[in-house]
Amino acid sequence: MTSLWANVFKSRQEAQDPVSALLKRIPVFDSLNARDLVRIEKILHEREYRPEERIFLQGDPGLGMYIIIEGNVEIVTEPGHHLLTVLHEGEFFGELALLDESPRTATAIAQSPCRLLCLVQSDLYDLIDRNPKLGVKILVQLARTIGERLKKTNEYVYELKKELKGPPFHE
């Protein structure tokens, strides 16, 4: 009998578990406790996109980071619409926009019906003002995440240069 009523009387926290679980899979948020995750959830914006709908265009100012709840997103470079990668549920993109508003370096397009969460830079900055300790945790993890992606990009460029038999890559 308990299991029958368990779904009827779910607590607010249990109802948010899918988002919390998703956030815990994102390196920027994986070190946060449950209370901090609830604070993050409150400033996230959810949006749905149709297949082929552009999420943002290369050259647009960066306003925030996106997390894929459902669907697939392709990241392409312009001109020429060159596919860089396809991202899936639980993956994220655009995190550099949390640090500055420099132009987007690629275009993001919904490949299928998508539900995304967006963390907007201004909302993150407001959170940092209200809760500096939490803000520092997020910024440190953000720096680590961007650093890891930069290392992988450097390794990729190095391997490409080796394949092309060009001069060695210098940092």
Protein backbone atom coordinates (compact mmCIF):
# COMPACT_ATOMS: atom_id res chain seq x y z
CA MET A 1 0.00 0.00 0.00
CA THR A 2 2.87 2.37 0.67
CA SER A 3 4.09 2.24 -2.94
CA LEU A 4 0.61 3.14 -4.22
CA TRP A 5 0.59 6.36 -2.16
CA ALA A 6 4.28 7.16 -2.58
CA ASN A 7 3.73 8.80 -5.98
CA VAL A 8 0.74 10.80 -4.77
CA PHE A 9 2.62 12.34 -1.85
CA LYS A 10 5.96 13.10 -3.48
CA SER A 11 7.81 15.89 -1.77
CA ARG A 12 8.87 18.96 -3.73
CA GLN A 13 12.50 17.79 -3.53
CA GLU A 14 11.61 14.36 -4.94
CA ALA A 15 9.77 16.03 -7.81
CA GLN A 16 12.96 17.95 -8.65
CA ASP A 17 15.22 14.92 -8.51
CA PRO A 18 15.36 14.48 -12.31
CA VAL A 19 16.87 17.97 -12.70
CA SER A 20 19.15 17.50 -9.69
CA ALA A 21 20.31 14.17 -11.07
CA LEU A 22 20.99 15.81 -14.44
CA LEU A 23 22.92 18.65 -12.81
CA LYS A 24 25.05 16.18 -10.84
CA ARG A 25 26.22 14.73 -14.18
CA ILE A 26 27.49 18.15 -15.31
CA PRO A 27 31.09 18.79 -14.18
CA VAL A 28 30.30 22.43 -13.35
CA PHE A 29 27.78 21.29 -10.71
CA ASP A 30 28.90 17.78 -9.71
CA SER A 31 30.58 18.91 -6.46
CA LEU A 32 27.51 20.77 -5.17
CA ASN A 33 25.35 19.51 -2.33
CA ALA A 34 21.55 19.11 -2.56
CA ARG A 35 20.84 22.57 -1.11
CA ASP A 36 23.19 24.24 -3.62
CA LEU A 37 21.63 22.30 -6.49
CA VAL A 38 18.19 23.61 -5.48
CA ARG A 39 19.60 27.16 -5.64
CA ILE A 40 20.90 26.47 -9.14
CA GLU A 41 17.60 24.92 -10.25
CA LYS A 42 15.78 28.12 -9.25
CA ILE A 43 17.76 30.20 -11.74
CA LEU A 44 17.63 27.79 -14.68
CA HIS A 45 15.36 28.56 -17.63
CA GLU A 46 13.76 25.73 -19.58
CA ARG A 47 13.05 26.05 -23.28
CA GLU A 48 11.86 23.71 -26.02
CA TYR A 49 13.21 23.75 -29.58
CA ARG A 50 11.84 22.22 -32.77
CA PRO A 51 14.04 20.15 -35.12
CA GLU A 52 16.31 22.42 -37.20
CA GLU A 53 15.62 25.40 -34.90
CA ARG A 54 18.72 27.40 -34.13
CA ILE A 55 19.54 27.75 -30.44
CA PHE A 56 22.18 30.36 -31.20
CA LEU A 57 24.23 31.45 -34.20
CA GLN A 58 27.97 31.69 -34.59
CA GLY A 59 28.84 35.33 -33.92
CA ASP A 60 25.91 35.95 -31.53
CA PRO A 61 26.92 37.33 -28.13
CA GLY A 62 27.26 34.53 -25.59
CA LEU A 63 24.54 34.85 -22.97
CA GLY A 64 24.59 31.52 -21.16
CA MET A 65 25.23 27.81 -20.94
CA TYR A 66 22.82 25.11 -22.12
CA ILE A 67 22.13 21.65 -20.68
CA ILE A 68 20.25 19.07 -22.76
CA ILE A 69 17.32 17.47 -20.93
CA GLU A 70 15.98 15.69 -24.03
CA GLY A 71 16.99 15.57 -27.67
CA ASN A 72 20.10 16.07 -29.75
CA VAL A 73 21.92 19.28 -30.62
CA GLU A 74 24.42 19.66 -33.41
CA ILE A 75 27.26 22.14 -33.16
CA VAL A 76 28.41 23.47 -36.53
CA THR A 77 30.80 26.13 -37.82
CA GLU A 78 29.92 28.70 -40.42
CA PRO A 79 30.23 29.32 -43.25
CA GLY A 80 29.66 25.93 -44.73
CA HIS A 81 27.72 24.33 -41.89
CA HIS A 82 30.64 22.01 -40.93
CA LEU A 83 29.57 19.57 -38.24
CA LEU A 84 31.81 19.64 -35.16
CA THR A 85 29.80 17.33 -32.92
CA VAL A 86 26.35 16.11 -31.93
CA LEU A 87 25.45 16.41 -28.24
CA HIS A 88 22.85 14.30 -26.44
CA GLU A 89 20.80 14.18 -23.24
CA GLY A 90 22.87 15.08 -20.18
CA GLU A 91 25.52 16.98 -22.15
CA PHE A 92 26.11 20.72 -22.05
CA PHE A 93 27.51 23.46 -24.27
CA GLY A 94 28.14 27.19 -24.34
CA GLU A 95 29.69 27.31 -20.87
CA LEU A 96 32.30 29.88 -21.89
CA ALA A 97 29.47 32.41 -22.15
CA LEU A 98 29.14 32.30 -18.37
CA LEU A 99 32.49 34.10 -18.16
CA ASP A 100 32.24 36.63 -20.97
CA GLU A 101 29.95 37.81 -23.72
CA SER A 102 32.37 37.21 -26.59
CA PRO A 103 30.75 36.05 -29.81
CA ARG A 104 29.74 32.41 -30.11
CA THR A 105 32.37 30.40 -31.97
CA ALA A 106 29.85 27.99 -33.51
CA THR A 107 26.15 27.58 -34.23
CA ALA A 108 23.95 25.26 -32.13
CA ILE A 109 20.94 23.67 -33.86
CA ALA A 110 18.29 21.33 -32.47
CA GLN A 111 18.61 18.10 -34.42
CA SER A 112 15.43 16.65 -32.92
CA PRO A 113 12.73 18.02 -30.60
CA CYS A 114 14.76 19.33 -27.64
CA ARG A 115 14.23 20.45 -24.09
CA LEU A 116 17.10 22.51 -22.76
CA LEU A 117 17.98 24.20 -19.52
CA CYS A 118 19.80 27.50 -19.77
CA LEU A 119 21.92 29.18 -17.12
CA VAL A 120 22.17 32.84 -18.08
CA GLN A 121 25.32 34.76 -17.18
CA SER A 122 23.43 37.58 -15.42
CA ASP A 123 21.57 35.06 -13.22
CA LEU A 124 24.86 33.39 -12.30
CA TYR A 125 26.37 36.77 -11.40
CA ASP A 126 23.34 37.58 -9.21
CA LEU A 127 23.79 34.22 -7.47
CA ILE A 128 27.49 35.01 -6.92
CA ASP A 129 26.53 38.34 -5.32
CA ARG A 130 24.01 36.65 -3.00
CA ASN A 131 26.09 33.57 -2.20
CA PRO A 132 29.82 34.12 -2.91
CA LYS A 133 30.84 30.73 -1.47
CA LEU A 134 28.56 28.89 -3.89
CA GLY A 135 29.66 31.20 -6.69
CA VAL A 136 33.32 30.35 -6.11
CA LYS A 137 32.54 26.61 -6.18
CA ILE A 138 30.80 27.01 -9.53
CA LEU A 139 33.49 29.25 -11.02
CA VAL A 140 36.30 26.88 -9.97
CA GLN A 141 34.48 23.93 -11.54
CA LEU A 142 33.73 26.02 -14.63
CA ALA A 143 37.44 26.89 -14.96
CA ARG A 144 38.37 23.21 -14.61
CA THR A 145 35.82 22.21 -17.23
CA ILE A 146 37.01 24.81 -19.71
CA GLY A 147 40.62 23.84 -18.98
CA GLU A 148 39.86 20.18 -19.70
CA ARG A 149 38.16 21.06 -22.97
CA LEU A 150 41.13 23.24 -23.94
CA LYS A 151 43.57 20.39 -23.22
CA LYS A 152 41.52 18.02 -25.37
CA THR A 153 41.38 20.59 -28.15
CA ASN A 154 45.15 21.08 -27.99
CA GLU A 155 45.69 17.31 -28.19
CA TYR A 156 43.34 17.12 -31.16
CA VAL A 157 45.12 19.96 -32.98
CA TYR A 158 48.48 18.35 -32.26
CA GLU A 159 47.32 15.02 -33.71
CA LEU A 160 45.88 16.75 -36.78
CA LYS A 161 49.17 18.56 -37.36
CA LYS A 162 51.05 15.25 -37.06
CA GLU A 163 48.71 13.68 -39.62
CA LEU A 164 49.28 16.58 -41.97
CA LYS A 165 53.05 16.31 -41.32
CA GLY A 166 53.20 19.97 -40.50
CA PRO A 167 55.58 21.59 -38.05
CA PRO A 168 55.09 20.55 -34.41
CA PHE A 169 52.47 22.40 -32.42
CA HIS A 170 53.96 25.04 -30.10
CA GLU A 171 52.08 26.28 -27.04
